[in-house]
Amino acid sequence: MAWQYKVLTMENFLGSDDDLTVEEKLNKCGKDDWEFAGVLQKPYTTLGKDPKVDGDCIIFKKRTKY
């Protein structure tokens, strides 16, 4: 088995389904078998390198059969 990941910007996650609370949004993802895996924060730019992440992201994962 392997993992499949879903990465959403916080802005996208919080802006979706505006009538739902954060808890309800997380439960909605859980009903589709997505498990909350963590938050990826946009790193500070250092040494002139641009970060590969545009903003803070929320990460979900679920098992796949392949």
PDB file of N, CA and C in Angstrom:
ATOM      1  N   MET A   1       0.837  -1.193   0.000  1.00  0.00           N
ATOM      2  CA  MET A   1       0.000   0.000   0.000  1.00  0.00           C
ATOM      3  C   MET A   1       0.874   1.246   0.000  1.00  0.00           C
ATOM      4  N   ALA A   2       0.312   2.315  -0.513  1.00  0.00           N
ATOM      5  CA  ALA A   2       1.016   3.592  -0.582  1.00  0.00           C
ATOM      6  C   ALA A   2       0.091   4.693  -0.085  1.00  0.00           C
ATOM      7  N   TRP A   3       0.665   5.873   0.076  1.00  0.00           N
ATOM      8  CA  TRP A   3      -0.116   7.035   0.509  1.00  0.00           C
ATOM      9  C   TRP A   3      -0.403   7.946  -0.666  1.00  0.00           C
ATOM     10  N   GLN A   4      -1.556   8.544  -0.653  1.00  0.00           N
ATOM     11  CA  GLN A   4      -1.918   9.611  -1.585  1.00  0.00           C
ATOM     12  C   GLN A   4      -2.056  10.866  -0.735  1.00  0.00           C
ATOM     13  N   TYR A   5      -1.574  11.993  -1.227  1.00  0.00           N
ATOM     14  CA  TYR A   5      -1.609  13.234  -0.463  1.00  0.00           C
ATOM     15  C   TYR A   5      -2.450  14.296  -1.151  1.00  0.00           C
ATOM     16  N   LYS A   6      -3.054  15.149  -0.330  1.00  0.00           N
ATOM     17  CA  LYS A   6      -3.795  16.320  -0.808  1.00  0.00           C
ATOM     18  C   LYS A   6      -3.226  17.509  -0.050  1.00  0.00           C
ATOM     19  N   VAL A   7      -2.758  18.517  -0.781  1.00  0.00           N
ATOM     20  CA  VAL A   7      -2.175  19.716  -0.169  1.00  0.00           C
ATOM     21  C   VAL A   7      -3.017  20.913  -0.594  1.00  0.00           C
ATOM     22  N   LEU A   8      -3.553  21.616   0.388  1.00  0.00           N
ATOM     23  CA  LEU A   8      -4.368  22.804   0.135  1.00  0.00           C
ATOM     24  C   LEU A   8      -3.755  23.999   0.848  1.00  0.00           C
ATOM     25  N   THR A   9      -3.783  25.142   0.190  1.00  0.00           N
ATOM     26  CA  THR A   9      -3.348  26.335   0.914  1.00  0.00           C
ATOM     27  C   THR A   9      -4.364  26.602   2.021  1.00  0.00           C
ATOM     28  N   MET A  10      -3.923  27.190   3.083  1.00  0.00           N
ATOM     29  CA  MET A  10      -4.837  27.513   4.189  1.00  0.00           C
ATOM     30  C   MET A  10      -5.959  28.412   3.687  1.00  0.00           C
ATOM     31  N   GLU A  11      -5.605  29.344   2.829  1.00  0.00           N
ATOM     32  CA  GLU A  11      -6.612  30.269   2.287  1.00  0.00           C
ATOM     33  C   GLU A  11      -7.691  29.496   1.523  1.00  0.00           C
ATOM     34  N   ASN A  12      -7.276  28.529   0.720  1.00  0.00           N
ATOM     35  CA  ASN A  12      -8.215  27.719  -0.047  1.00  0.00           C
ATOM     36  C   ASN A  12      -9.064  26.850   0.884  1.00  0.00           C
ATOM     37  N   PHE A  13      -8.418  26.202   1.858  1.00  0.00           N
ATOM     38  CA  PHE A  13      -9.138  25.338   2.792  1.00  0.00           C
ATOM     39  C   PHE A  13     -10.147  26.127   3.616  1.00  0.00           C
ATOM     40  N   LEU A  14      -9.712  27.246   4.180  1.00  0.00           N
ATOM     41  CA  LEU A  14     -10.598  28.041   5.034  1.00  0.00           C
ATOM     42  C   LEU A  14     -11.675  28.758   4.229  1.00  0.00           C
ATOM     43  N   GLY A  15     -11.412  29.057   2.945  1.00  0.00           N
ATOM     44  CA  GLY A  15     -12.372  29.757   2.116  1.00  0.00           C
ATOM     45  C   GLY A  15     -13.429  28.847   1.497  1.00  0.00           C
ATOM     46  N   SER A  16     -13.177  27.539   1.501  1.00  0.00           N
ATOM     47  CA  SER A  16     -14.145  26.611   0.930  1.00  0.00           C
ATOM     48  C   SER A  16     -15.275  26.364   1.923  1.00  0.00           C
ATOM     49  N   ASP A  17     -16.461  26.139   1.414  1.00  0.00           N
ATOM     50  CA  ASP A  17     -17.623  25.867   2.271  1.00  0.00           C
ATOM     51  C   ASP A  17     -17.707  26.875   3.411  1.00  0.00           C
ATOM     52  N   ASP A  18     -17.833  28.145   3.066  1.00  0.00           N
ATOM     53  CA  ASP A  18     -17.807  29.223   4.055  1.00  0.00           C
ATOM     54  C   ASP A  18     -18.799  29.060   5.196  1.00  0.00           C
ATOM     55  N   ASP A  19     -19.871  28.296   4.969  1.00  0.00           N
ATOM     56  CA  ASP A  19     -20.875  28.146   6.016  1.00  0.00           C
ATOM     57  C   ASP A  19     -20.482  27.087   7.058  1.00  0.00           C
ATOM     58  N   LEU A  20     -19.368  26.372   6.832  1.00  0.00           N
ATOM     59  CA  LEU A  20     -18.927  25.328   7.771  1.00  0.00           C
ATOM     60  C   LEU A  20     -17.843  25.848   8.707  1.00  0.00           C
ATOM     61  N   THR A  21     -17.791  25.287   9.922  1.00  0.00           N
ATOM     62  CA  THR A  21     -16.706  25.594  10.848  1.00  0.00           C
ATOM     63  C   THR A  21     -15.470  24.811  10.417  1.00  0.00           C
ATOM     64  N   VAL A  22     -14.322  25.146  10.969  1.00  0.00           N
ATOM     65  CA  VAL A  22     -13.091  24.416  10.651  1.00  0.00           C
ATOM     66  C   VAL A  22     -13.257  22.943  11.012  1.00  0.00           C
ATOM     67  N   GLU A  23     -13.849  22.661  12.146  1.00  0.00           N
ATOM     68  CA  GLU A  23     -14.078  21.276  12.569  1.00  0.00           C
ATOM     69  C   GLU A  23     -14.952  20.538  11.555  1.00  0.00           C
ATOM     70  N   GLU A  24     -15.988  21.185  11.073  1.00  0.00           N
ATOM     71  CA  GLU A  24     -16.872  20.556  10.084  1.00  0.00           C
ATOM     72  C   GLU A  24     -16.146  20.317   8.759  1.00  0.00           C
ATOM     73  N   LYS A  25     -15.259  21.235   8.381  1.00  0.00           N
ATOM     74  CA  LYS A  25     -14.473  21.062   7.157  1.00  0.00           C
ATOM     75  C   LYS A  25     -13.527  19.869   7.290  1.00  0.00           C
ATOM     76  N   LEU A  26     -12.893  19.723   8.446  1.00  0.00           N
ATOM     77  CA  LEU A  26     -12.006  18.581   8.680  1.00  0.00           C
ATOM     78  C   LEU A  26     -12.802  17.280   8.669  1.00  0.00           C
ATOM     79  N   ASN A  27     -13.977  17.278   9.295  1.00  0.00           N
ATOM     80  CA  ASN A  27     -14.827  16.085   9.301  1.00  0.00           C
ATOM     81  C   ASN A  27     -15.296  15.730   7.892  1.00  0.00           C
ATOM     82  N   LYS A  28     -15.559  16.736   7.077  1.00  0.00           N
ATOM     83  CA  LYS A  28     -15.974  16.494   5.695  1.00  0.00           C
ATOM     84  C   LYS A  28     -14.857  15.783   4.924  1.00  0.00           C
ATOM     85  N   CYS A  29     -13.624  16.209   5.116  1.00  0.00           N
ATOM     86  CA  CYS A  29     -12.487  15.526   4.475  1.00  0.00           C
ATOM     87  C   CYS A  29     -12.359  14.103   5.001  1.00  0.00           C
ATOM     88  N   GLY A  30     -12.571  13.926   6.293  1.00  0.00           N
ATOM     89  CA  GLY A  30     -12.489  12.601   6.900  1.00  0.00           C
ATOM     90  C   GLY A  30     -13.519  11.639   6.341  1.00  0.00           C
ATOM     91  N   LYS A  31     -14.690  12.137   6.007  1.00  0.00           N
ATOM     92  CA  LYS A  31     -15.726  11.279   5.418  1.00  0.00           C
ATOM     93  C   LYS A  31     -15.305  10.747   4.061  1.00  0.00           C
ATOM     94  N   ASP A  32     -14.390  11.452   3.388  1.00  0.00           N
ATOM     95  CA  ASP A  32     -13.863  11.000   2.102  1.00  0.00           C
ATOM     96  C   ASP A  32     -12.544  10.236   2.283  1.00  0.00           C
ATOM     97  N   ASP A  33     -12.307   9.757   3.515  1.00  0.00           N
ATOM     98  CA  ASP A  33     -11.112   8.971   3.875  1.00  0.00           C
ATOM     99  C   ASP A  33      -9.810   9.767   3.901  1.00  0.00           C
ATOM    100  N   TRP A  34      -9.879  11.100   3.889  1.00  0.00           N
ATOM    101  CA  TRP A  34      -8.673  11.918   4.013  1.00  0.00           C
ATOM    102  C   TRP A  34      -8.369  12.119   5.495  1.00  0.00           C
ATOM    103  N   GLU A  35      -7.156  11.832   5.876  1.00  0.00           N
ATOM    104  CA  GLU A  35      -6.693  11.982   7.260  1.00  0.00           C
ATOM    105  C   GLU A  35      -5.790  13.205   7.341  1.00  0.00           C
ATOM    106  N   PHE A  36      -6.040  14.063   8.329  1.00  0.00           N
ATOM    107  CA  PHE A  36      -5.191  15.244   8.530  1.00  0.00           C
ATOM    108  C   PHE A  36      -3.772  14.771   8.854  1.00  0.00           C
ATOM    109  N   ALA A  37      -2.781  15.276   8.111  1.00  0.00           N
ATOM    110  CA  ALA A  37      -1.393  14.858   8.315  1.00  0.00           C
ATOM    111  C   ALA A  37      -0.539  15.956   8.936  1.00  0.00           C
ATOM    112  N   GLY A  38      -0.927  17.218   8.740  1.00  0.00           N
ATOM    113  CA  GLY A  38      -0.143  18.288   9.336  1.00  0.00           C
ATOM    114  C   GLY A  38      -0.264  19.589   8.578  1.00  0.00           C
ATOM    115  N   VAL A  39       0.511  20.558   9.031  1.00  0.00           N
ATOM    116  CA  VAL A  39       0.534  21.886   8.430  1.00  0.00           C
ATOM    117  C   VAL A  39       1.958  22.174   7.982  1.00  0.00           C
ATOM    118  N   LEU A  40       2.091  22.693   6.780  1.00  0.00           N
ATOM    119  CA  LEU A  40       3.382  23.088   6.251  1.00  0.00           C
ATOM    120  C   LEU A  40       3.397  24.604   6.188  1.00  0.00           C
ATOM    121  N   GLN A  41       4.266  25.215   6.988  1.00  0.00           N
ATOM    122  CA  GLN A  41       4.328  26.671   7.008  1.00  0.00           C
ATOM    123  C   GLN A  41       5.324  27.170   5.980  1.00  0.00           C
ATOM    124  N   LYS A  42       4.971  28.267   5.344  1.00  0.00           N
ATOM    125  CA  LYS A  42       5.867  28.868   4.365  1.00  0.00           C
ATOM    126  C   LYS A  42       7.151  29.289   5.079  1.00  0.00           C
ATOM    127  N   PRO A  43       8.287  28.802   4.590  1.00  0.00           N
ATOM    128  CA  PRO A  43       9.550  29.164   5.252  1.00  0.00           C
ATOM    129  C   PRO A  43       9.945  30.598   4.910  1.00  0.00           C
ATOM    130  N   TYR A  44      10.768  31.151   5.757  1.00  0.00           N
ATOM    131  CA  TYR A  44      11.312  32.476   5.486  1.00  0.00           C
ATOM    132  C   TYR A  44      12.286  32.371   4.322  1.00  0.00           C
ATOM    133  N   THR A  45      12.310  33.374   3.482  1.00  0.00           N
ATOM    134  CA  THR A  45      13.253  33.400   2.369  1.00  0.00           C
ATOM    135  C   THR A  45      14.630  33.744   2.911  1.00  0.00           C
ATOM    136  N   THR A  46      15.595  32.902   2.592  1.00  0.00           N
ATOM    137  CA  THR A  46      16.962  33.138   3.057  1.00  0.00           C
ATOM    138  C   THR A  46      17.940  32.963   1.904  1.00  0.00           C
ATOM    139  N   LEU A  47      19.020  33.630   1.969  1.00  0.00           N
ATOM    140  CA  LEU A  47      20.094  33.528   0.994  1.00  0.00           C
ATOM    141  C   LEU A  47      19.609  33.700  -0.448  1.00  0.00           C
ATOM    142  N   GLY A  48      18.574  34.503  -0.616  1.00  0.00           N
ATOM    143  CA  GLY A  48      18.082  34.803  -1.948  1.00  0.00           C
ATOM    144  C   GLY A  48      17.309  33.688  -2.615  1.00  0.00           C
ATOM    145  N   LYS A  49      17.045  32.585  -1.904  1.00  0.00           N
ATOM    146  CA  LYS A  49      16.297  31.480  -2.496  1.00  0.00           C
ATOM    147  C   LYS A  49      14.806  31.650  -2.223  1.00  0.00           C
ATOM    148  N   ASP A  50      14.010  31.477  -3.256  1.00  0.00           N
ATOM    149  CA  ASP A  50      12.559  31.555  -3.090  1.00  0.00           C
ATOM    150  C   ASP A  50      12.041  30.233  -2.539  1.00  0.00           C
ATOM    151  N   PRO A  51      11.130  30.283  -1.560  1.00  0.00           N
ATOM    152  CA  PRO A  51      10.557  29.034  -1.059  1.00  0.00           C
ATOM    153  C   PRO A  51       9.663  28.405  -2.118  1.00  0.00           C
ATOM    154  N   LYS A  52       9.544  27.095  -2.095  1.00  0.00           N
ATOM    155  CA  LYS A  52       8.720  26.377  -3.073  1.00  0.00           C
ATOM    156  C   LYS A  52       7.248  26.401  -2.683  1.00  0.00           C
ATOM    157  N   VAL A  53       6.929  26.903  -1.503  1.00  0.00           N
ATOM    158  CA  VAL A  53       5.561  26.944  -1.001  1.00  0.00           C
ATOM    159  C   VAL A  53       5.075  28.391  -1.041  1.00  0.00           C
ATOM    160  N   ASP A  54       3.897  28.604  -1.656  1.00  0.00           N
ATOM    161  CA  ASP A  54       3.365  29.961  -1.791  1.00  0.00           C
ATOM    162  C   ASP A  54       2.784  30.523  -0.503  1.00  0.00           C
ATOM    163  N   GLY A  55       2.365  29.647   0.386  1.00  0.00           N
ATOM    164  CA  GLY A  55       1.773  30.079   1.649  1.00  0.00           C
ATOM    165  C   GLY A  55       1.634  28.891   2.577  1.00  0.00           C
ATOM    166  N   ASP A  56       1.072  29.106   3.744  1.00  0.00           N
ATOM    167  CA  ASP A  56       0.852  28.003   4.670  1.00  0.00           C
ATOM    168  C   ASP A  56      -0.126  27.005   4.041  1.00  0.00           C
ATOM    169  N   CYS A  57       0.150  25.715   4.232  1.00  0.00           N
ATOM    170  CA  CYS A  57      -0.664  24.660   3.624  1.00  0.00           C
ATOM    171  C   CYS A  57      -1.123  23.669   4.682  1.00  0.00           C
ATOM    172  N   ILE A  58      -2.253  23.048   4.411  1.00  0.00           N
ATOM    173  CA  ILE A  58      -2.764  21.968   5.248  1.00  0.00           C
ATOM    174  C   ILE A  58      -2.660  20.692   4.413  1.00  0.00           C
ATOM    175  N   ILE A  59      -2.194  19.618   5.031  1.00  0.00           N
ATOM    176  CA  ILE A  59      -1.906  18.383   4.303  1.00  0.00           C
ATOM    177  C   ILE A  59      -2.788  17.262   4.822  1.00  0.00           C
ATOM    178  N   PHE A  60      -3.370  16.516   3.878  1.00  0.00           N
ATOM    179  CA  PHE A  60      -4.172  15.339   4.180  1.00  0.00           C
ATOM    180  C   PHE A  60      -3.545  14.144   3.469  1.00  0.00           C
ATOM    181  N   LYS A  61      -3.799  12.941   3.996  1.00  0.00           N
ATOM    182  CA  LYS A  61      -3.304  11.739   3.346  1.00  0.00           C
ATOM    183  C   LYS A  61      -4.368  10.643   3.453  1.00  0.00           C
ATOM    184  N   LYS A  62      -4.275   9.679   2.519  1.00  0.00           N
ATOM    185  CA  LYS A  62      -5.103   8.480   2.607  1.00  0.00           C
ATOM    186  C   LYS A  62      -4.374   7.354   1.904  1.00  0.00           C
ATOM    187  N   ARG A  63      -4.669   6.140   2.332  1.00  0.00           N
ATOM    188  CA  ARG A  63      -4.030   4.961   1.748  1.00  0.00           C
ATOM    189  C   ARG A  63      -4.602   4.685   0.368  1.00  0.00           C
ATOM    190  N   THR A  64      -3.734   4.226  -0.509  1.00  0.00           N
ATOM    191  CA  THR A  64      -4.154   3.803  -1.837  1.00  0.00           C
ATOM    192  C   THR A  64      -3.802   2.334  -1.998  1.00  0.00           C
ATOM    193  N   LYS A  65      -4.384   1.707  -2.978  1.00  0.00           N
ATOM    194  CA  LYS A  65      -4.166   0.284  -3.174  1.00  0.00           C
ATOM    195  C   LYS A  65      -3.036  -0.015  -4.158  1.00  0.00           C
ATOM    196  N   TYR A  66      -2.460   0.995  -4.789  1.00  0.00           N
ATOM    197  CA  TYR A  66      -1.385   0.726  -5.756  1.00  0.00           C
ATOM    198  C   TYR A  66      -0.035   0.861  -5.140  1.00  0.00           C
TER     199      TYR A  66
END
